[in-house]
């Protein structure tokens, strides 16, 4: 990997005491930065490590034992300039911007930290004095983030995202499972929602897949949903021949605790998919417009499924002009056959 350096000819991190990591959004992307936090803590065990994000991603980083402070931008009454000044007053020695949009570049520059690490994107490069050449189209997003540490000559020992769940959240999940399932039940979590319409496999297909897994393999199906997605689970339930179980209203972290108790989770490419993998649950991601090699779930037993043979796979478009073939032509049989092979490997 080529590393460009501006203004700083030699990097000496021996006096680094305060570190800021910036990743403003989204939920899944923020979760994929957690290996950076853990590796930083191992490299700088005495340093104070802060993380700057936006409110929607706040839950992902709560209770992260490798962080000292979580700064949530957007939940403040004071103005933006005052916020930038507050960053400067924190006297960070090292800032790593893993978002690198115009706003996060401003935030990074405002800190006046001795070392400001970011990717060489257009005019935003002004904010950084350790510039990285992006490998965003070559490596998984986790490695894309970890390149910032490699550029600084730091040791990278961990590459698995982690979401740390509190005892209270685990207790809530345990009680829900106690009331609804027996100890011998095999539970599949289903997440049929997502942020991009082009990434949605479709409720009818999720319903058929769920019915066939129940009928042929005696699974119990637990449907996950989030804010504003009541219609999704209601429609999915109506389409199924067998009665599914519906997760209660939860926070992201409470949903994670429920996912942790599932045997495996099947999901569109979305934040809940990455959350499931981060709590150690084998996760099967259904992909099309996004590239699973770059953004797939990470962890033991995780797998991705795509409609093989399409030249447009991984187009990264939020809206498709040719009929969303990657999703419409990916049949229930395609997905089920891959799951059958996966089951034989992992004994699920």
Protein backbone atom coordinates (compact mmCIF):
# COMPACT_ATOMS: atom_id res chain seq x y z
CA UNK A 1 0.00 0.00 0.00
CA UNK A 2 1.35 3.39 -0.97
CA UNK A 3 1.40 5.94 1.86
CA UNK A 4 1.86 9.63 1.08
CA UNK A 5 2.97 12.01 3.81
CA UNK A 6 2.64 15.77 3.77
CA UNK A 7 4.52 18.13 6.11
CA UNK A 8 5.64 15.30 8.38
CA UNK A 9 8.75 13.44 7.31
CA UNK A 10 9.03 11.23 10.39
CA UNK A 11 6.23 9.87 12.54
CA UNK A 12 6.98 9.55 16.26
CA UNK A 13 3.99 8.26 18.21
CA UNK A 14 5.77 7.77 21.51
CA UNK A 15 4.12 10.83 23.08
CA UNK A 16 0.56 10.20 21.86
CA UNK A 17 -1.79 10.48 24.84
CA UNK A 18 -5.12 11.53 23.31
CA UNK A 19 -6.65 9.94 20.20
CA UNK A 20 -9.83 10.71 18.26
CA UNK A 21 -11.42 8.37 15.71
CA UNK A 22 -14.11 9.81 13.41
CA UNK A 23 -16.79 7.82 11.59
CA UNK A 24 -20.03 9.76 11.39
CA UNK A 25 -22.31 7.11 9.83
CA UNK A 26 -23.87 4.59 8.99
CA UNK A 27 -24.63 1.87 11.55
CA UNK A 28 -22.95 -0.98 9.67
CA UNK A 29 -20.01 1.15 8.59
CA UNK A 30 -19.42 2.40 12.13
CA UNK A 31 -19.52 -1.17 13.41
CA UNK A 32 -16.83 -2.13 10.88
CA UNK A 33 -14.49 0.43 12.49
CA UNK A 34 -14.50 -1.34 15.87
CA UNK A 35 -11.35 -3.38 15.06
CA UNK A 36 -9.52 -0.04 14.68
CA UNK A 37 -10.52 0.92 18.23
CA UNK A 38 -9.35 -2.37 19.72
CA UNK A 39 -6.02 -2.29 17.89
CA UNK A 40 -5.45 1.31 18.94
CA UNK A 41 -5.98 0.37 22.59
CA UNK A 42 -3.38 -2.39 22.31
CA UNK A 43 -0.89 -0.05 20.68
CA UNK A 44 -1.59 2.80 23.13
CA UNK A 45 -2.76 1.15 26.38
CA UNK A 46 -2.35 4.35 28.41
CA UNK A 47 -3.89 6.72 25.87
CA UNK A 48 -7.38 8.18 26.05
CA UNK A 49 -9.37 7.14 22.96
CA UNK A 50 -12.49 9.04 21.89
CA UNK A 51 -14.88 8.34 19.03
CA UNK A 52 -16.93 10.91 17.13
CA UNK A 53 -20.13 9.81 15.39
CA UNK A 54 -23.76 10.85 14.79
CA UNK A 55 -26.83 9.91 16.87
CA UNK A 56 -28.04 7.01 14.70
CA UNK A 57 -24.75 5.16 15.26
CA UNK A 58 -24.37 5.99 18.94
CA UNK A 59 -25.83 2.69 20.17
CA UNK A 60 -23.20 0.66 18.33
CA UNK A 61 -20.38 2.15 20.40
CA UNK A 62 -22.00 2.31 23.82
CA UNK A 63 -20.27 0.06 26.37
CA UNK A 64 -17.26 -0.39 24.09
CA UNK A 65 -14.57 -1.15 26.66
CA UNK A 66 -11.78 0.16 24.41
CA UNK A 67 -13.23 3.69 24.30
CA UNK A 68 -12.95 6.43 26.92
CA UNK A 69 -15.46 8.89 25.49
CA UNK A 70 -18.16 8.88 22.84
CA UNK A 71 -18.81 12.25 21.17
CA UNK A 72 -22.16 12.47 19.41
CA UNK A 73 -22.33 15.23 16.81
CA UNK A 74 -25.83 16.54 16.19
CA UNK A 75 -27.13 16.31 19.74
CA UNK A 76 -25.94 19.72 20.85
CA UNK A 77 -27.53 23.13 21.19
CA UNK A 78 -24.37 25.08 20.50
CA UNK A 79 -23.41 25.99 16.95
CA UNK A 80 -21.08 24.21 14.60
CA UNK A 81 -18.19 26.64 15.04
CA UNK A 82 -18.37 26.20 18.81
CA UNK A 83 -18.35 22.46 18.31
CA UNK A 84 -15.18 22.72 16.21
CA UNK A 85 -13.59 24.87 18.90
CA UNK A 86 -14.49 22.28 21.53
CA UNK A 87 -12.61 19.66 19.50
CA UNK A 88 -9.51 21.86 19.40
CA UNK A 89 -9.66 22.34 23.18
CA UNK A 90 -9.41 18.59 23.72
CA UNK A 91 -5.77 18.70 22.54
CA UNK A 92 -5.74 15.47 20.57
CA UNK A 93 -2.34 14.17 19.50
CA UNK A 94 -3.67 11.82 16.85
CA UNK A 95 -6.89 12.00 14.82
CA UNK A 96 -7.95 9.26 12.40
CA UNK A 97 -10.77 10.23 10.04
CA UNK A 98 -12.37 7.07 8.66
CA UNK A 99 -15.26 8.97 7.05
CA UNK A 100 -13.39 11.61 5.06
CA UNK A 101 -16.33 13.65 3.81
CA UNK A 102 -16.15 17.46 3.77
CA UNK A 103 -17.59 17.81 7.27
CA UNK A 104 -15.38 15.18 8.93
CA UNK A 105 -12.38 16.73 7.16
CA UNK A 106 -13.27 20.08 8.74
CA UNK A 107 -13.57 18.44 12.14
CA UNK A 108 -10.20 16.73 11.73
CA UNK A 109 -8.46 19.93 10.65
CA UNK A 110 -10.07 21.89 13.50
CA UNK A 111 -8.41 19.67 16.11
CA UNK A 112 -4.96 20.89 15.02
CA UNK A 113 -3.67 17.50 16.15
CA UNK A 114 -0.02 16.79 15.37
CA UNK A 115 -0.99 13.71 13.36
CA UNK A 116 -4.14 13.85 11.24
CA UNK A 117 -4.74 10.71 9.20
CA UNK A 118 -7.16 10.50 6.29
CA UNK A 119 -7.66 9.28 2.75
CA UNK A 120 -6.53 11.28 -0.25
CA UNK A 121 -9.98 12.25 -1.53
CA UNK A 122 -10.12 15.35 -3.74
CA UNK A 123 -9.91 18.71 -1.95
CA UNK A 124 -10.45 17.09 1.43
CA UNK A 125 -6.79 16.10 1.55
CA UNK A 126 -6.01 19.57 2.98
CA UNK A 127 -7.20 18.38 6.40
CA UNK A 128 -4.64 15.60 6.80
CA UNK A 129 -0.87 15.42 7.15
CA UNK A 130 -0.72 11.64 6.85
CA UNK A 131 -2.45 10.78 3.59
CA UNK A 132 -3.53 7.29 2.58
CA UNK A 133 -4.18 5.92 -0.85
CA UNK A 134 -7.66 4.41 -0.72
CA UNK A 135 -8.07 0.68 -1.29
CA UNK A 136 -11.85 0.95 -0.95
CA UNK A 137 -12.48 -1.00 -4.18
CA UNK A 138 -9.87 -3.65 -3.43
CA UNK A 139 -10.27 -4.84 0.17
CA UNK A 140 -13.03 -5.38 2.70
CA UNK A 141 -14.19 -2.29 4.57
CA UNK A 142 -12.55 -3.58 7.76
CA UNK A 143 -9.15 -3.63 6.06
CA UNK A 144 -9.86 -0.28 4.44
CA UNK A 145 -10.22 1.14 7.96
CA UNK A 146 -7.20 -0.71 9.34
CA UNK A 147 -5.00 0.78 6.61
CA UNK A 148 -4.93 3.95 8.73
CA UNK A 149 -3.11 2.05 11.48
CA UNK A 150 -0.76 0.32 9.06
CA UNK A 151 0.19 3.72 7.65
CA UNK A 152 1.34 4.72 11.12
CA UNK A 153 3.39 1.56 11.55
CA UNK A 154 1.09 0.20 14.25
CA UNK A 155 0.47 -3.46 14.98
CA UNK A 156 -2.81 -4.87 13.70
CA UNK A 157 -3.80 -7.99 15.61
CA UNK A 158 -7.59 -7.91 15.34
CA UNK A 159 -9.89 -7.77 12.32
CA UNK A 160 -13.26 -8.94 13.64
CA UNK A 161 -15.92 -6.30 14.49
CA UNK A 162 -17.29 -6.53 18.01
CA UNK A 163 -20.43 -5.21 19.65
CA UNK A 164 -20.28 -5.53 23.43
CA UNK A 165 -23.70 -6.20 25.00
CA UNK A 166 -24.56 -5.34 28.59
CA UNK A 167 -25.93 -7.86 31.14
CA UNK A 168 -29.27 -6.00 31.11
CA UNK A 169 -29.62 -6.46 27.36
CA UNK A 170 -28.64 -10.12 27.60
CA UNK A 171 -31.24 -10.61 30.34
CA UNK A 172 -33.98 -9.07 28.18
CA UNK A 173 -33.11 -11.44 25.33
CA UNK A 174 -32.94 -14.42 27.65
CA UNK A 175 -36.40 -13.66 29.03
CA UNK A 176 -37.90 -13.26 25.54
CA UNK A 177 -36.47 -16.60 24.43
CA UNK A 178 -37.61 -18.30 27.64
CA UNK A 179 -41.20 -17.19 27.03
CA UNK A 180 -41.29 -18.09 23.34
CA UNK A 181 -38.93 -21.00 22.69
CA UNK A 182 -37.78 -24.23 24.26
CA UNK A 183 -34.10 -25.07 24.82
CA UNK A 184 -34.03 -27.49 21.87
CA UNK A 185 -35.58 -25.11 19.34
CA UNK A 186 -33.45 -24.11 16.36
CA UNK A 187 -33.96 -20.39 15.74
CA UNK A 188 -33.39 -18.51 12.50
CA UNK A 189 -33.42 -14.72 12.59
CA UNK A 190 -34.81 -13.01 9.48
CA UNK A 191 -34.07 -9.38 8.61
CA UNK A 192 -35.99 -8.44 5.46
CA UNK A 193 -35.50 -4.67 5.79
CA UNK A 194 -32.72 -2.36 4.72
CA UNK A 195 -31.82 1.20 3.81
CA UNK A 196 -31.58 0.86 0.02
CA UNK A 197 -34.56 -0.41 -1.95
CA UNK A 198 -32.15 -1.89 -4.52
CA UNK A 199 -30.62 -4.11 -1.80
CA UNK A 200 -33.95 -5.66 -0.76
CA UNK A 201 -34.46 -9.27 -1.85
CA UNK A 202 -38.22 -9.01 -1.38
CA UNK A 203 -40.75 -9.99 1.28
CA UNK A 204 -42.39 -12.70 -0.83
CA UNK A 205 -39.07 -14.51 -1.23
CA UNK A 206 -38.19 -14.17 2.43
CA UNK A 207 -41.62 -15.58 3.28
CA UNK A 208 -41.19 -18.59 0.99
CA UNK A 209 -37.66 -19.24 2.21
CA UNK A 210 -38.82 -19.07 5.84
CA UNK A 211 -41.72 -21.48 5.19
CA UNK A 212 -39.44 -24.00 3.49
CA UNK A 213 -36.89 -23.87 6.29
CA UNK A 214 -39.65 -24.40 8.84
CA UNK A 215 -41.26 -27.20 6.87
CA UNK A 216 -38.13 -29.10 5.84
CA UNK A 217 -35.76 -28.49 8.75
CA UNK A 218 -38.05 -27.77 11.72
CA UNK A 219 -36.66 -24.30 12.36
CA UNK A 220 -38.45 -21.56 14.26
CA UNK A 221 -38.33 -18.18 12.52
CA UNK A 222 -37.86 -14.91 14.40
CA UNK A 223 -38.50 -11.75 12.38
CA UNK A 224 -36.48 -8.66 13.23
CA UNK A 225 -37.66 -5.15 12.46
CA UNK A 226 -36.76 -1.59 13.31
CA UNK A 227 -38.34 1.86 13.64
CA UNK A 228 -40.79 2.52 10.82
CA UNK A 229 -40.75 -1.12 9.69
CA UNK A 230 -43.96 -2.40 11.28
CA UNK A 231 -45.49 -2.84 7.83
CA UNK A 232 -42.56 -5.02 6.80
CA UNK A 233 -43.08 -7.63 9.47
CA UNK A 234 -46.87 -7.49 9.20
CA UNK A 235 -46.74 -8.11 5.43
CA UNK A 236 -44.11 -10.82 5.81
CA UNK A 237 -46.20 -12.57 8.42
CA UNK A 238 -49.28 -12.48 6.15
CA UNK A 239 -47.32 -14.01 3.28
CA UNK A 240 -46.09 -16.98 5.32
CA UNK A 241 -47.97 -20.28 5.62
CA UNK A 242 -46.39 -20.98 9.01
CA UNK A 243 -46.62 -18.64 11.98
CA UNK A 244 -43.35 -16.80 12.64
CA UNK A 245 -42.25 -15.20 15.89
CA UNK A 246 -41.93 -11.41 15.93
CA UNK A 247 -39.17 -9.64 17.83
CA UNK A 248 -40.46 -7.01 20.28
CA UNK A 249 -39.68 -3.31 19.76
CA UNK A 250 -35.99 -2.95 20.60
CA UNK A 251 -33.02 -0.65 20.45
CA UNK A 252 -30.17 -1.71 18.18
CA UNK A 253 -28.35 -3.16 21.15
CA UNK A 254 -31.39 -5.09 22.39
CA UNK A 255 -31.86 -6.47 18.88
CA UNK A 256 -28.21 -7.53 18.95
CA UNK A 257 -28.81 -9.45 22.17
CA UNK A 258 -31.72 -11.29 20.53
CA UNK A 259 -29.64 -12.03 17.44
CA UNK A 260 -26.90 -13.43 19.63
CA UNK A 261 -29.26 -16.20 20.77
CA UNK A 262 -30.23 -17.23 17.22
CA UNK A 263 -28.62 -20.24 15.55
CA UNK A 264 -28.09 -18.07 12.48
CA UNK A 265 -29.46 -14.94 10.82
CA UNK A 266 -30.42 -14.37 7.18
CA UNK A 267 -30.42 -10.73 6.13
CA UNK A 268 -30.30 -8.22 3.34
CA UNK A 269 -27.08 -6.20 3.28
CA UNK A 270 -27.79 -3.79 6.13
CA UNK A 271 -26.77 -2.63 9.58
CA UNK A 272 -28.59 -5.51 11.32
CA UNK A 273 -26.61 -7.96 9.19
CA UNK A 274 -23.32 -6.55 10.50
CA UNK A 275 -24.69 -6.38 14.04
CA UNK A 276 -25.60 -10.07 13.93
CA UNK A 277 -22.09 -11.02 12.78
CA UNK A 278 -20.48 -8.75 15.39
CA UNK A 279 -22.19 -10.56 18.27
CA UNK A 280 -20.83 -13.87 16.97
CA UNK A 281 -23.93 -15.26 15.27
CA UNK A 282 -23.35 -17.01 11.92
CA UNK A 283 -24.85 -14.61 9.39
CA UNK A 284 -25.93 -15.13 5.80
CA UNK A 285 -26.04 -11.91 3.78
CA UNK A 286 -27.97 -11.55 0.53
CA UNK A 287 -26.11 -9.23 -1.83
CA UNK A 288 -26.54 -7.63 -5.24
CA UNK A 289 -25.70 -3.96 -5.83
CA UNK A 290 -23.03 -4.00 -3.13
CA UNK A 291 -19.90 -6.14 -3.30
CA UNK A 292 -19.81 -8.83 -0.58
CA UNK A 293 -16.03 -9.06 -0.85
CA UNK A 294 -15.88 -5.45 0.30
CA UNK A 295 -18.88 -5.25 2.63
CA UNK A 296 -19.94 -8.76 3.62
CA UNK A 297 -20.51 -9.92 7.21
CA UNK A 298 -17.29 -10.80 9.04
CA UNK A 299 -16.91 -13.69 11.47
CA UNK A 300 -17.00 -17.45 11.92
CA UNK A 301 -19.78 -19.08 9.91
CA UNK A 302 -20.66 -15.95 7.92
CA UNK A 303 -21.51 -16.30 4.24
CA UNK A 304 -22.85 -14.19 1.37
CA UNK A 305 -25.15 -15.17 -1.49
CA UNK A 306 -25.40 -13.47 -4.89
CA UNK A 307 -26.95 -14.24 -8.27
CA UNK A 308 -23.91 -15.59 -10.05
CA UNK A 309 -23.18 -14.61 -13.63
CA UNK A 310 -24.54 -11.07 -13.69
CA UNK A 311 -22.07 -8.52 -15.04
CA UNK A 312 -23.68 -5.70 -13.08
CA UNK A 313 -23.11 -7.20 -9.62
CA UNK A 314 -21.57 -4.75 -7.17
CA UNK A 315 -22.67 -1.68 -9.15
CA UNK A 316 -23.17 0.19 -5.85
CA UNK A 317 -26.17 2.06 -7.25
CA UNK A 318 -29.00 2.97 -4.89
CA UNK A 319 -31.53 2.77 -7.74
CA UNK A 320 -31.41 0.28 -10.62
CA UNK A 321 -32.36 1.20 -14.20
CA UNK A 322 -32.51 -2.37 -15.56
CA UNK A 323 -35.00 -4.03 -13.24
CA UNK A 324 -32.84 -4.85 -10.22
CA UNK A 325 -31.88 -8.20 -11.76
CA UNK A 326 -29.45 -9.07 -8.97
CA UNK A 327 -32.42 -9.34 -6.61
CA UNK A 328 -35.30 -10.33 -8.91
CA UNK A 329 -33.37 -13.19 -10.54
CA UNK A 330 -31.97 -14.53 -7.26
CA UNK A 331 -34.50 -17.26 -6.55
CA UNK A 332 -35.53 -18.91 -3.32
CA UNK A 333 -34.00 -22.14 -4.66
CA UNK A 334 -30.68 -20.33 -5.25
CA UNK A 335 -30.59 -19.15 -1.64
CA UNK A 336 -31.90 -22.38 -0.12
CA UNK A 337 -29.38 -24.52 -1.99
CA UNK A 338 -26.52 -22.38 -0.67
CA UNK A 339 -27.93 -22.61 2.85
CA UNK A 340 -28.16 -26.41 2.58
CA UNK A 341 -24.45 -26.57 1.70
CA UNK A 342 -23.66 -24.11 4.48
CA UNK A 343 -25.61 -26.24 7.01
CA UNK A 344 -23.54 -29.29 6.18
CA UNK A 345 -20.34 -27.37 6.84
CA UNK A 346 -21.39 -25.73 10.10
CA UNK A 347 -23.86 -28.26 11.46
CA UNK A 348 -26.69 -25.78 11.75
